[in-house]
Amino acid sequence: HTTYSDGLEVLQFSNGQIEKHYPDGKKEITFPDQTIKNLFTDGQEE
């Protein structure tokens, strides 16, 4: 779990999943199969 001075947090899991938690509340998850999921602060997902 890496926390940068600008507030960005990055979690790297043993299965290869990577999560980025941005200071504005947005989250980006990269799954082991390289699917990328974005969770936006307004409740939308991509």
ModelCIF file with pLDDT and N, C-alpha, C, O atoms, coordinates in Angstrom:
data_MODEL
#
_entry.id   MODEL 
#
_entity.id                         1 
_entity.type                       polymer 
_entity.pdbx_number_of_molecules   1 
#
_entity_poly.entity_id                      1 
_entity_poly.type                           'polypeptide(L)' 
_entity_poly.nstd_linkage                   no 
_entity_poly.nstd_monomer                   no 
_entity_poly.pdbx_seq_one_letter_code       HTTYSDGLEVLQFSNGQIEKHYPDGKKEITFPDQTIKNLFTDGQEE 
_entity_poly.pdbx_seq_one_letter_code_can   HTTYSDGLEVLQFSNGQIEKHYPDGKKEITFPDQTIKNLFTDGQEE 
_entity_poly.pdbx_strand_id                 A 
#
loop_
_entity_poly_seq.entity_id 
_entity_poly_seq.num 
_entity_poly_seq.mon_id 
_entity_poly_seq.hetero 
1 1  HIS n 
1 2  THR n 
1 3  THR n 
1 4  TYR n 
1 5  SER n 
1 6  ASP n 
1 7  GLY n 
1 8  LEU n 
1 9  GLU n 
1 10 VAL n 
1 11 LEU n 
1 12 GLN n 
1 13 PHE n 
1 14 SER n 
1 15 ASN n 
1 16 GLY n 
1 17 GLN n 
1 18 ILE n 
1 19 GLU n 
1 20 LYS n 
1 21 HIS n 
1 22 TYR n 
1 23 PRO n 
1 24 ASP n 
1 25 GLY n 
1 26 LYS n 
1 27 LYS n 
1 28 GLU n 
1 29 ILE n 
1 30 THR n 
1 31 PHE n 
1 32 PRO n 
1 33 ASP n 
1 34 GLN n 
1 35 THR n 
1 36 ILE n 
1 37 LYS n 
1 38 ASN n 
1 39 LEU n 
1 40 PHE n 
1 41 THR n 
1 42 ASP n 
1 43 GLY n 
1 44 GLN n 
1 45 GLU n 
1 46 GLU n 
#
_struct_asym.id          A 
_struct_asym.entity_id   1 
#
loop_
_ma_qa_metric.id 
_ma_qa_metric.mode 
_ma_qa_metric.name 
_ma_qa_metric.software_group_id 
_ma_qa_metric.type 
1 global pLDDT . pLDDT 
2 local  pLDDT . pLDDT 
#
_ma_qa_metric_global.metric_id      1 
_ma_qa_metric_global.metric_value   96.85 
_ma_qa_metric_global.model_id       1 
_ma_qa_metric_global.ordinal_id     1 
#
loop_
_ma_qa_metric_local.label_asym_id 
_ma_qa_metric_local.label_comp_id 
_ma_qa_metric_local.label_seq_id 
_ma_qa_metric_local.metric_id 
_ma_qa_metric_local.metric_value 
_ma_qa_metric_local.model_id 
_ma_qa_metric_local.ordinal_id 
A HIS 1  2 98.00 1 1  
A THR 2  2 98.00 1 2  
A THR 3  2 98.00 1 3  
A TYR 4  2 97.00 1 4  
A SER 5  2 94.00 1 5  
A ASP 6  2 95.00 1 6  
A GLY 7  2 95.00 1 7  
A LEU 8  2 98.00 1 8  
A GLU 9  2 98.00 1 9  
A VAL 10 2 98.00 1 10 
A LEU 11 2 98.00 1 11 
A GLN 12 2 98.00 1 12 
A PHE 13 2 97.00 1 13 
A SER 14 2 96.00 1 14 
A ASN 15 2 96.00 1 15 
A GLY 16 2 96.00 1 16 
A GLN 17 2 97.00 1 17 
A ILE 18 2 98.00 1 18 
A GLU 19 2 98.00 1 19 
A LYS 20 2 98.00 1 20 
A HIS 21 2 98.00 1 21 
A TYR 22 2 97.00 1 22 
A PRO 23 2 96.00 1 23 
A ASP 24 2 96.00 1 24 
A GLY 25 2 96.00 1 25 
A LYS 26 2 97.00 1 26 
A LYS 27 2 98.00 1 27 
A GLU 28 2 98.00 1 28 
A ILE 29 2 98.00 1 29 
A THR 30 2 98.00 1 30 
A PHE 31 2 97.00 1 31 
A PRO 32 2 96.00 1 32 
A ASP 33 2 96.00 1 33 
A GLN 34 2 96.00 1 34 
A THR 35 2 97.00 1 35 
A ILE 36 2 98.00 1 36 
A LYS 37 2 98.00 1 37 
A ASN 38 2 98.00 1 38 
A LEU 39 2 97.00 1 39 
A PHE 40 2 96.00 1 40 
A THR 41 2 95.00 1 41 
A ASP 42 2 94.00 1 42 
A GLY 43 2 93.00 1 43 
A GLN 44 2 96.00 1 44 
A GLU 45 2 97.00 1 45 
A GLU 46 2 98.00 1 46 
#
loop_
_atom_site.group_PDB 
_atom_site.id 
_atom_site.type_symbol 
_atom_site.label_atom_id 
_atom_site.label_alt_id 
_atom_site.label_comp_id 
_atom_site.label_asym_id 
_atom_site.label_entity_id 
_atom_site.label_seq_id 
_atom_site.pdbx_PDB_ins_code 
_atom_site.Cartn_x 
_atom_site.Cartn_y 
_atom_site.Cartn_z 
_atom_site.occupancy 
_atom_site.B_iso_or_equiv 
_atom_site.pdbx_formal_charge 
_atom_site.auth_seq_id 
_atom_site.auth_comp_id 
_atom_site.auth_asym_id 
_atom_site.auth_atom_id 
_atom_site.pdbx_PDB_model_num 
ATOM 1   N N  . HIS A 1 1  ? 0.872   -1.177  0.000   1.00 98.00 ? 1  HIS A N  1 
ATOM 2   C CA . HIS A 1 1  ? 0.000   0.000   0.000   1.00 98.00 ? 1  HIS A CA 1 
ATOM 3   C C  . HIS A 1 1  ? 0.910   1.229   0.000   1.00 98.00 ? 1  HIS A C  1 
ATOM 4   O O  . HIS A 1 1  ? 1.601   1.501   0.981   1.00 98.00 ? 1  HIS A O  1 
ATOM 5   N N  . THR A 1 2  ? 0.900   1.961   -1.108  1.00 98.00 ? 2  THR A N  1 
ATOM 6   C CA . THR A 1 2  ? 1.743   3.150   -1.241  1.00 98.00 ? 2  THR A CA 1 
ATOM 7   C C  . THR A 1 2  ? 0.857   4.388   -1.187  1.00 98.00 ? 2  THR A C  1 
ATOM 8   O O  . THR A 1 2  ? -0.130  4.486   -1.916  1.00 98.00 ? 2  THR A O  1 
ATOM 9   N N  . THR A 1 3  ? 1.212   5.332   -0.321  1.00 98.00 ? 3  THR A N  1 
ATOM 10  C CA . THR A 1 3  ? 0.494   6.597   -0.215  1.00 98.00 ? 3  THR A CA 1 
ATOM 11  C C  . THR A 1 3  ? 1.456   7.706   -0.597  1.00 98.00 ? 3  THR A C  1 
ATOM 12  O O  . THR A 1 3  ? 2.488   7.902   0.045   1.00 98.00 ? 3  THR A O  1 
ATOM 13  N N  . TYR A 1 4  ? 1.102   8.432   -1.656  1.00 97.00 ? 4  TYR A N  1 
ATOM 14  C CA . TYR A 1 4  ? 1.946   9.514   -2.145  1.00 97.00 ? 4  TYR A CA 1 
ATOM 15  C C  . TYR A 1 4  ? 1.571   10.825  -1.452  1.00 97.00 ? 4  TYR A C  1 
ATOM 16  O O  . TYR A 1 4  ? 0.475   10.959  -0.909  1.00 97.00 ? 4  TYR A O  1 
ATOM 17  N N  . SER A 1 5  ? 2.485   11.778  -1.477  1.00 94.00 ? 5  SER A N  1 
ATOM 18  C CA . SER A 1 5  ? 2.261   13.053  -0.788  1.00 94.00 ? 5  SER A CA 1 
ATOM 19  C C  . SER A 1 5  ? 1.082   13.834  -1.366  1.00 94.00 ? 5  SER A C  1 
ATOM 20  O O  . SER A 1 5  ? 0.498   14.669  -0.675  1.00 94.00 ? 5  SER A O  1 
ATOM 21  N N  . ASP A 1 6  ? 0.724   13.571  -2.632  1.00 95.00 ? 6  ASP A N  1 
ATOM 22  C CA . ASP A 1 6  ? -0.430  14.260  -3.237  1.00 95.00 ? 6  ASP A CA 1 
ATOM 23  C C  . ASP A 1 6  ? -1.760  13.591  -2.892  1.00 95.00 ? 6  ASP A C  1 
ATOM 24  O O  . ASP A 1 6  ? -2.817  14.044  -3.329  1.00 95.00 ? 6  ASP A O  1 
ATOM 25  N N  . GLY A 1 7  ? -1.705  12.501  -2.098  1.00 95.00 ? 7  GLY A N  1 
ATOM 26  C CA . GLY A 1 7  ? -2.927  11.824  -1.662  1.00 95.00 ? 7  GLY A CA 1 
ATOM 27  C C  . GLY A 1 7  ? -3.283  10.580  -2.450  1.00 95.00 ? 7  GLY A C  1 
ATOM 28  O O  . GLY A 1 7  ? -4.161  9.828   -2.027  1.00 95.00 ? 7  GLY A O  1 
ATOM 29  N N  . LEU A 1 8  ? -2.635  10.334  -3.580  1.00 98.00 ? 8  LEU A N  1 
ATOM 30  C CA . LEU A 1 8  ? -2.886  9.119   -4.355  1.00 98.00 ? 8  LEU A CA 1 
ATOM 31  C C  . LEU A 1 8  ? -2.453  7.906   -3.536  1.00 98.00 ? 8  LEU A C  1 
ATOM 32  O O  . LEU A 1 8  ? -1.367  7.893   -2.956  1.00 98.00 ? 8  LEU A O  1 
ATOM 33  N N  . GLU A 1 9  ? -3.316  6.885   -3.492  1.00 98.00 ? 9  GLU A N  1 
ATOM 34  C CA . GLU A 1 9  ? -2.979  5.633   -2.826  1.00 98.00 ? 9  GLU A CA 1 
ATOM 35  C C  . GLU A 1 9  ? -3.014  4.511   -3.853  1.00 98.00 ? 9  GLU A C  1 
ATOM 36  O O  . GLU A 1 9  ? -3.955  4.416   -4.641  1.00 98.00 ? 9  GLU A O  1 
ATOM 37  N N  . VAL A 1 10 ? -1.986  3.657   -3.846  1.00 98.00 ? 10 VAL A N  1 
ATOM 38  C CA . VAL A 1 10 ? -1.902  2.532   -4.773  1.00 98.00 ? 10 VAL A CA 1 
ATOM 39  C C  . VAL A 1 10 ? -1.740  1.256   -3.955  1.00 98.00 ? 10 VAL A C  1 
ATOM 40  O O  . VAL A 1 10 ? -0.833  1.146   -3.130  1.00 98.00 ? 10 VAL A O  1 
ATOM 41  N N  . LEU A 1 11 ? -2.630  0.294   -4.194  1.00 98.00 ? 11 LEU A N  1 
ATOM 42  C CA . LEU A 1 11 ? -2.543  -1.013  -3.532  1.00 98.00 ? 11 LEU A CA 1 
ATOM 43  C C  . LEU A 1 11 ? -2.189  -2.052  -4.582  1.00 98.00 ? 11 LEU A C  1 
ATOM 44  O O  . LEU A 1 11 ? -2.821  -2.134  -5.635  1.00 98.00 ? 11 LEU A O  1 
ATOM 45  N N  . GLN A 1 12 ? -1.168  -2.847  -4.280  1.00 98.00 ? 12 GLN A N  1 
ATOM 46  C CA . GLN A 1 12 ? -0.741  -3.920  -5.181  1.00 98.00 ? 12 GLN A CA 1 
ATOM 47  C C  . GLN A 1 12 ? -0.897  -5.233  -4.434  1.00 98.00 ? 12 GLN A C  1 
ATOM 48  O O  . GLN A 1 12 ? -0.251  -5.460  -3.411  1.00 98.00 ? 12 GLN A O  1 
ATOM 49  N N  . PHE A 1 13 ? -1.774  -6.105  -4.962  1.00 97.00 ? 13 PHE A N  1 
ATOM 50  C CA . PHE A 1 13 ? -2.078  -7.376  -4.321  1.00 97.00 ? 13 PHE A CA 1 
ATOM 51  C C  . PHE A 1 13 ? -1.228  -8.492  -4.923  1.00 97.00 ? 13 PHE A C  1 
ATOM 52  O O  . PHE A 1 13 ? -0.712  -8.374  -6.034  1.00 97.00 ? 13 PHE A O  1 
ATOM 53  N N  . SER A 1 14 ? -1.099  -9.568  -4.169  1.00 96.00 ? 14 SER A N  1 
ATOM 54  C CA . SER A 1 14 ? -0.239  -10.674 -4.596  1.00 96.00 ? 14 SER A CA 1 
ATOM 55  C C  . SER A 1 14 ? -0.746  -11.360 -5.867  1.00 96.00 ? 14 SER A C  1 
ATOM 56  O O  . SER A 1 14 ? 0.040   -11.986 -6.578  1.00 96.00 ? 14 SER A O  1 
ATOM 57  N N  . ASN A 1 15 ? -2.056  -11.252 -6.167  1.00 96.00 ? 15 ASN A N  1 
ATOM 58  C CA . ASN A 1 15 ? -2.599  -11.884 -7.377  1.00 96.00 ? 15 ASN A CA 1 
ATOM 59  C C  . ASN A 1 15 ? -2.401  -11.025 -8.624  1.00 96.00 ? 15 ASN A C  1 
ATOM 60  O O  . ASN A 1 15 ? -2.820  -11.407 -9.717  1.00 96.00 ? 15 ASN A O  1 
ATOM 61  N N  . GLY A 1 16 ? -1.755  -9.854  -8.460  1.00 96.00 ? 16 GLY A N  1 
ATOM 62  C CA . GLY A 1 16 ? -1.511  -8.976  -9.600  1.00 96.00 ? 16 GLY A CA 1 
ATOM 63  C C  . GLY A 1 16 ? -2.503  -7.833  -9.724  1.00 96.00 ? 16 GLY A C  1 
ATOM 64  O O  . GLY A 1 16 ? -2.317  -6.943  -10.554 1.00 96.00 ? 16 GLY A O  1 
ATOM 65  N N  . GLN A 1 17 ? -3.565  -7.842  -8.903  1.00 97.00 ? 17 GLN A N  1 
ATOM 66  C CA . GLN A 1 17 ? -4.537  -6.741  -8.944  1.00 97.00 ? 17 GLN A CA 1 
ATOM 67  C C  . GLN A 1 17 ? -3.887  -5.475  -8.402  1.00 97.00 ? 17 GLN A C  1 
ATOM 68  O O  . GLN A 1 17 ? -3.142  -5.511  -7.423  1.00 97.00 ? 17 GLN A O  1 
ATOM 69  N N  . ILE A 1 18 ? -4.186  -4.346  -9.061  1.00 98.00 ? 18 ILE A N  1 
ATOM 70  C CA . ILE A 1 18 ? -3.673  -3.048  -8.631  1.00 98.00 ? 18 ILE A CA 1 
ATOM 71  C C  . ILE A 1 18 ? -4.857  -2.092  -8.510  1.00 98.00 ? 18 ILE A C  1 
ATOM 72  O O  . ILE A 1 18 ? -5.668  -1.975  -9.428  1.00 98.00 ? 18 ILE A O  1 
ATOM 73  N N  . GLU A 1 19 ? -4.947  -1.416  -7.374  1.00 98.00 ? 19 GLU A N  1 
ATOM 74  C CA . GLU A 1 19 ? -6.001  -0.428  -7.168  1.00 98.00 ? 19 GLU A CA 1 
ATOM 75  C C  . GLU A 1 19 ? -5.362  0.930   -6.958  1.00 98.00 ? 19 GLU A C  1 
ATOM 76  O O  . GLU A 1 19 ? -4.390  1.070   -6.215  1.00 98.00 ? 19 GLU A O  1 
ATOM 77  N N  . LYS A 1 20 ? -5.929  1.941   -7.632  1.00 98.00 ? 20 LYS A N  1 
ATOM 78  C CA . LYS A 1 20 ? -5.493  3.318   -7.424  1.00 98.00 ? 20 LYS A CA 1 
ATOM 79  C C  . LYS A 1 20 ? -6.679  4.082   -6.847  1.00 98.00 ? 20 LYS A C  1 
ATOM 80  O O  . LYS A 1 20 ? -7.761  4.110   -7.433  1.00 98.00 ? 20 LYS A O  1 
ATOM 81  N N  . HIS A 1 21 ? -6.462  4.695   -5.701  1.00 98.00 ? 21 HIS A N  1 
ATOM 82  C CA . HIS A 1 21 ? -7.489  5.503   -5.052  1.00 98.00 ? 21 HIS A CA 1 
ATOM 83  C C  . HIS A 1 21 ? -7.017  6.955   -5.132  1.00 98.00 ? 21 HIS A C  1 
ATOM 84  O O  . HIS A 1 21 ? -6.034  7.338   -4.498  1.00 98.00 ? 21 HIS A O  1 
ATOM 85  N N  . TYR A 1 22 ? -7.732  7.747   -5.916  1.00 97.00 ? 22 TYR A N  1 
ATOM 86  C CA . TYR A 1 22 ? -7.334  9.135   -6.153  1.00 97.00 ? 22 TYR A CA 1 
ATOM 87  C C  . TYR A 1 22 ? -7.889  10.039  -5.051  1.00 97.00 ? 22 TYR A C  1 
ATOM 88  O O  . TYR A 1 22 ? -8.900  9.712   -4.430  1.00 97.00 ? 22 TYR A O  1 
ATOM 89  N N  . PRO A 1 23 ? -7.229  11.174  -4.810  1.00 96.00 ? 23 PRO A N  1 
ATOM 90  C CA . PRO A 1 23 ? -7.686  12.088  -3.756  1.00 96.00 ? 23 PRO A CA 1 
ATOM 91  C C  . PRO A 1 23 ? -9.120  12.584  -3.961  1.00 96.00 ? 23 PRO A C  1 
ATOM 92  O O  . PRO A 1 23 ? -9.814  12.887  -2.990  1.00 96.00 ? 23 PRO A O  1 
ATOM 93  N N  . ASP A 1 24 ? -9.568  12.669  -5.227  1.00 96.00 ? 24 ASP A N  1 
ATOM 94  C CA . ASP A 1 24 ? -10.935 13.159  -5.502  1.00 96.00 ? 24 ASP A CA 1 
ATOM 95  C C  . ASP A 1 24 ? -11.999 12.080  -5.291  1.00 96.00 ? 24 ASP A C  1 
ATOM 96  O O  . ASP A 1 24 ? -13.187 12.343  -5.472  1.00 96.00 ? 24 ASP A O  1 
ATOM 97  N N  . GLY A 1 25 ? -11.579 10.854  -4.906  1.00 96.00 ? 25 GLY A N  1 
ATOM 98  C CA . GLY A 1 25 ? -12.530 9.775   -4.639  1.00 96.00 ? 25 GLY A CA 1 
ATOM 99  C C  . GLY A 1 25 ? -12.656 8.765   -5.759  1.00 96.00 ? 25 GLY A C  1 
ATOM 100 O O  . GLY A 1 25 ? -13.225 7.693   -5.549  1.00 96.00 ? 25 GLY A O  1 
ATOM 101 N N  . LYS A 1 26 ? -12.146 9.067   -6.941  1.00 97.00 ? 26 LYS A N  1 
ATOM 102 C CA . LYS A 1 26 ? -12.185 8.118   -8.060  1.00 97.00 ? 26 LYS A CA 1 
ATOM 103 C C  . LYS A 1 26 ? -11.291 6.925   -7.732  1.00 97.00 ? 26 LYS A C  1 
ATOM 104 O O  . LYS A 1 26 ? -10.255 7.071   -7.083  1.00 97.00 ? 26 LYS A O  1 
ATOM 105 N N  . LYS A 1 27 ? -11.705 5.742   -8.191  1.00 98.00 ? 27 LYS A N  1 
ATOM 106 C CA . LYS A 1 27 ? -10.899 4.529   -8.012  1.00 98.00 ? 27 LYS A CA 1 
ATOM 107 C C  . LYS A 1 27 ? -10.711 3.859   -9.357  1.00 98.00 ? 27 LYS A C  1 
ATOM 108 O O  . LYS A 1 27 ? -11.628 3.817   -10.177 1.00 98.00 ? 27 LYS A O  1 
ATOM 109 N N  . GLU A 1 28 ? -9.513  3.334   -9.580  1.00 98.00 ? 28 GLU A N  1 
ATOM 110 C CA . GLU A 1 28 ? -9.204  2.588   -10.797 1.00 98.00 ? 28 GLU A CA 1 
ATOM 111 C C  . GLU A 1 28 ? -8.624  1.246   -10.361 1.00 98.00 ? 28 GLU A C  1 
ATOM 112 O O  . GLU A 1 28 ? -7.634  1.190   -9.631  1.00 98.00 ? 28 GLU A O  1 
ATOM 113 N N  . ILE A 1 29 ? -9.256  0.168   -10.819 1.00 98.00 ? 29 ILE A N  1 
ATOM 114 C CA . ILE A 1 29 ? -8.809  -1.182  -10.454 1.00 98.00 ? 29 ILE A CA 1 
ATOM 115 C C  . ILE A 1 29 ? -8.360  -1.888  -11.729 1.00 98.00 ? 29 ILE A C  1 
ATOM 116 O O  . ILE A 1 29 ? -9.109  -1.964  -12.703 1.00 98.00 ? 29 ILE A O  1 
ATOM 117 N N  . THR A 1 30 ? -7.137  -2.403  -11.713 1.00 98.00 ? 30 THR A N  1 
ATOM 118 C CA . THR A 1 30 ? -6.642  -3.220  -12.819 1.00 98.00 ? 30 THR A CA 1 
ATOM 119 C C  . THR A 1 30 ? -6.585  -4.650  -12.308 1.00 98.00 ? 30 THR A C  1 
ATOM 120 O O  . THR A 1 30 ? -5.828  -4.960  -11.388 1.00 98.00 ? 30 THR A O  1 
ATOM 121 N N  . PHE A 1 31 ? -7.392  -5.521  -12.910 1.00 97.00 ? 31 PHE A N  1 
ATOM 122 C CA . PHE A 1 31 ? -7.477  -6.914  -12.480 1.00 97.00 ? 31 PHE A CA 1 
ATOM 123 C C  . PHE A 1 31 ? -6.349  -7.732  -13.116 1.00 97.00 ? 31 PHE A C  1 
ATOM 124 O O  . PHE A 1 31 ? -5.736  -7.292  -14.088 1.00 97.00 ? 31 PHE A O  1 
ATOM 125 N N  . PRO A 1 32 ? -6.079  -8.911  -12.574 1.00 96.00 ? 32 PRO A N  1 
ATOM 126 C CA . PRO A 1 32 ? -5.002  -9.752  -13.122 1.00 96.00 ? 32 PRO A CA 1 
ATOM 127 C C  . PRO A 1 32 ? -5.142  -10.034 -14.623 1.00 96.00 ? 32 PRO A C  1 
ATOM 128 O O  . PRO A 1 32 ? -4.135  -10.193 -15.313 1.00 96.00 ? 32 PRO A O  1 
ATOM 129 N N  . ASP A 1 33 ? -6.386  -10.099 -15.139 1.00 96.00 ? 33 ASP A N  1 
ATOM 130 C CA . ASP A 1 33 ? -6.583  -10.348 -16.583 1.00 96.00 ? 33 ASP A CA 1 
ATOM 131 C C  . ASP A 1 33 ? -6.444  -9.072  -17.415 1.00 96.00 ? 33 ASP A C  1 
ATOM 132 O O  . ASP A 1 33 ? -6.685  -9.082  -18.622 1.00 96.00 ? 33 ASP A O  1 
ATOM 133 N N  . GLN A 1 34 ? -6.053  -7.969  -16.758 1.00 96.00 ? 34 GLN A N  1 
ATOM 134 C CA . GLN A 1 34 ? -5.852  -6.642  -17.364 1.00 96.00 ? 34 GLN A CA 1 
ATOM 135 C C  . GLN A 1 34 ? -7.146  -5.892  -17.661 1.00 96.00 ? 34 GLN A C  1 
ATOM 136 O O  . GLN A 1 34 ? -7.122  -4.871  -18.348 1.00 96.00 ? 34 GLN A O  1 
ATOM 137 N N  . THR A 1 35 ? -8.294  -6.391  -17.146 1.00 97.00 ? 35 THR A N  1 
ATOM 138 C CA . THR A 1 35 ? -9.523  -5.601  -17.194 1.00 97.00 ? 35 THR A CA 1 
ATOM 139 C C  . THR A 1 35 ? -9.314  -4.398  -16.285 1.00 97.00 ? 35 THR A C  1 
ATOM 140 O O  . THR A 1 35 ? -8.774  -4.528  -15.186 1.00 97.00 ? 35 THR A O  1 
ATOM 141 N N  . ILE A 1 36 ? -9.743  -3.226  -16.747 1.00 98.00 ? 36 ILE A N  1 
ATOM 142 C CA . ILE A 1 36 ? -9.615  -2.001  -15.951 1.00 98.00 ? 36 ILE A CA 1 
ATOM 143 C C  . ILE A 1 36 ? -11.020 -1.522  -15.604 1.00 98.00 ? 36 ILE A C  1 
ATOM 144 O O  . ILE A 1 36 ? -11.873 -1.371  -16.479 1.00 98.00 ? 36 ILE A O  1 
ATOM 145 N N  . LYS A 1 37 ? -11.248 -1.285  -14.310 1.00 98.00 ? 37 LYS A N  1 
ATOM 146 C CA . LYS A 1 37 ? -12.549 -0.792  -13.864 1.00 98.00 ? 37 LYS A CA 1 
ATOM 147 C C  . LYS A 1 37 ? -12.340 0.557   -13.192 1.00 98.00 ? 37 LYS A C  1 
ATOM 148 O O  . LYS A 1 37 ? -11.523 0.690   -12.282 1.00 98.00 ? 37 LYS A O  1 
ATOM 149 N N  . ASN A 1 38 ? -13.090 1.556   -13.653 1.00 98.00 ? 38 ASN A N  1 
ATOM 150 C CA . ASN A 1 38 ? -13.057 2.891   -13.058 1.00 98.00 ? 38 ASN A CA 1 
ATOM 151 C C  . ASN A 1 38 ? -14.353 3.104   -12.295 1.00 98.00 ? 38 ASN A C  1 
ATOM 152 O O  . ASN A 1 38 ? -15.443 2.893   -12.827 1.00 98.00 ? 38 ASN A O  1 
ATOM 153 N N  . LEU A 1 39 ? -14.224 3.526   -11.039 1.00 97.00 ? 39 LEU A N  1 
ATOM 154 C CA . LEU A 1 39 ? -15.377 3.858   -10.209 1.00 97.00 ? 39 LEU A CA 1 
ATOM 155 C C  . LEU A 1 39 ? -15.323 5.368   -9.969  1.00 97.00 ? 39 LEU A C  1 
ATOM 156 O O  . LEU A 1 39 ? -14.389 5.876   -9.348  1.00 97.00 ? 39 LEU A O  1 
ATOM 157 N N  . PHE A 1 40 ? -16.340 6.076   -10.469 1.00 96.00 ? 40 PHE A N  1 
ATOM 158 C CA . PHE A 1 40 ? -16.346 7.532   -10.385 1.00 96.00 ? 40 PHE A CA 1 
ATOM 159 C C  . PHE A 1 40 ? -17.109 7.992   -9.153  1.00 96.00 ? 40 PHE A C  1 
ATOM 160 O O  . PHE A 1 40 ? -17.949 7.265   -8.622  1.00 96.00 ? 40 PHE A O  1 
ATOM 161 N N  . THR A 1 41 ? -16.812 9.189   -8.709  1.00 95.00 ? 41 THR A N  1 
ATOM 162 C CA . THR A 1 41 ? -17.407 9.712   -7.480  1.00 95.00 ? 41 THR A CA 1 
ATOM 163 C C  . THR A 1 41 ? -18.914 9.932   -7.606  1.00 95.00 ? 41 THR A C  1 
ATOM 164 O O  . THR A 1 41 ? -19.617 9.962   -6.596  1.00 95.00 ? 41 THR A O  1 
ATOM 165 N N  . ASP A 1 42 ? -19.419 10.084  -8.832  1.00 94.00 ? 42 ASP A N  1 
ATOM 166 C CA . ASP A 1 42 ? -20.862 10.291  -9.025  1.00 94.00 ? 42 ASP A CA 1 
ATOM 167 C C  . ASP A 1 42 ? -21.636 8.976   -9.103  1.00 94.00 ? 42 ASP A C  1 
ATOM 168 O O  . ASP A 1 42 ? -22.839 8.979   -9.361  1.00 94.00 ? 42 ASP A O  1 
ATOM 169 N N  . GLY A 1 43 ? -20.948 7.848   -8.879  1.00 93.00 ? 43 GLY A N  1 
ATOM 170 C CA . GLY A 1 43 ? -21.623 6.548   -8.870  1.00 93.00 ? 43 GLY A CA 1 
ATOM 171 C C  . GLY A 1 43 ? -21.555 5.805   -10.187 1.00 93.00 ? 43 GLY A C  1 
ATOM 172 O O  . GLY A 1 43 ? -21.981 4.652   -10.255 1.00 93.00 ? 43 GLY A O  1 
ATOM 173 N N  . GLN A 1 44 ? -21.035 6.424   -11.240 1.00 96.00 ? 44 GLN A N  1 
ATOM 174 C CA . GLN A 1 44 ? -20.909 5.744   -12.517 1.00 96.00 ? 44 GLN A CA 1 
ATOM 175 C C  . GLN A 1 44 ? -19.703 4.805   -12.496 1.00 96.00 ? 44 GLN A C  1 
ATOM 176 O O  . GLN A 1 44 ? -18.750 5.020   -11.747 1.00 96.00 ? 44 GLN A O  1 
ATOM 177 N N  . GLU A 1 45 ? -19.755 3.766   -13.322 1.00 97.00 ? 45 GLU A N  1 
ATOM 178 C CA . GLU A 1 45 ? -18.662 2.815   -13.441 1.00 97.00 ? 45 GLU A CA 1 
ATOM 179 C C  . GLU A 1 45 ? -18.328 2.611   -14.913 1.00 97.00 ? 45 GLU A C  1 
ATOM 180 O O  . GLU A 1 45 ? -19.189 2.735   -15.783 1.00 97.00 ? 45 GLU A O  1 
ATOM 181 N N  . GLU A 1 46 ? -17.065 2.297   -15.176 1.00 98.00 ? 46 GLU A N  1 
ATOM 182 C CA . GLU A 1 46 ? -16.632 1.988   -16.536 1.00 98.00 ? 46 GLU A CA 1 
ATOM 183 C C  . GLU A 1 46 ? -15.644 0.841   -16.447 1.00 98.00 ? 46 GLU A C  1 
ATOM 184 O O  . GLU A 1 46 ? -15.128 0.390   -17.469 1.00 98.00 ? 46 GLU A O  1 
#
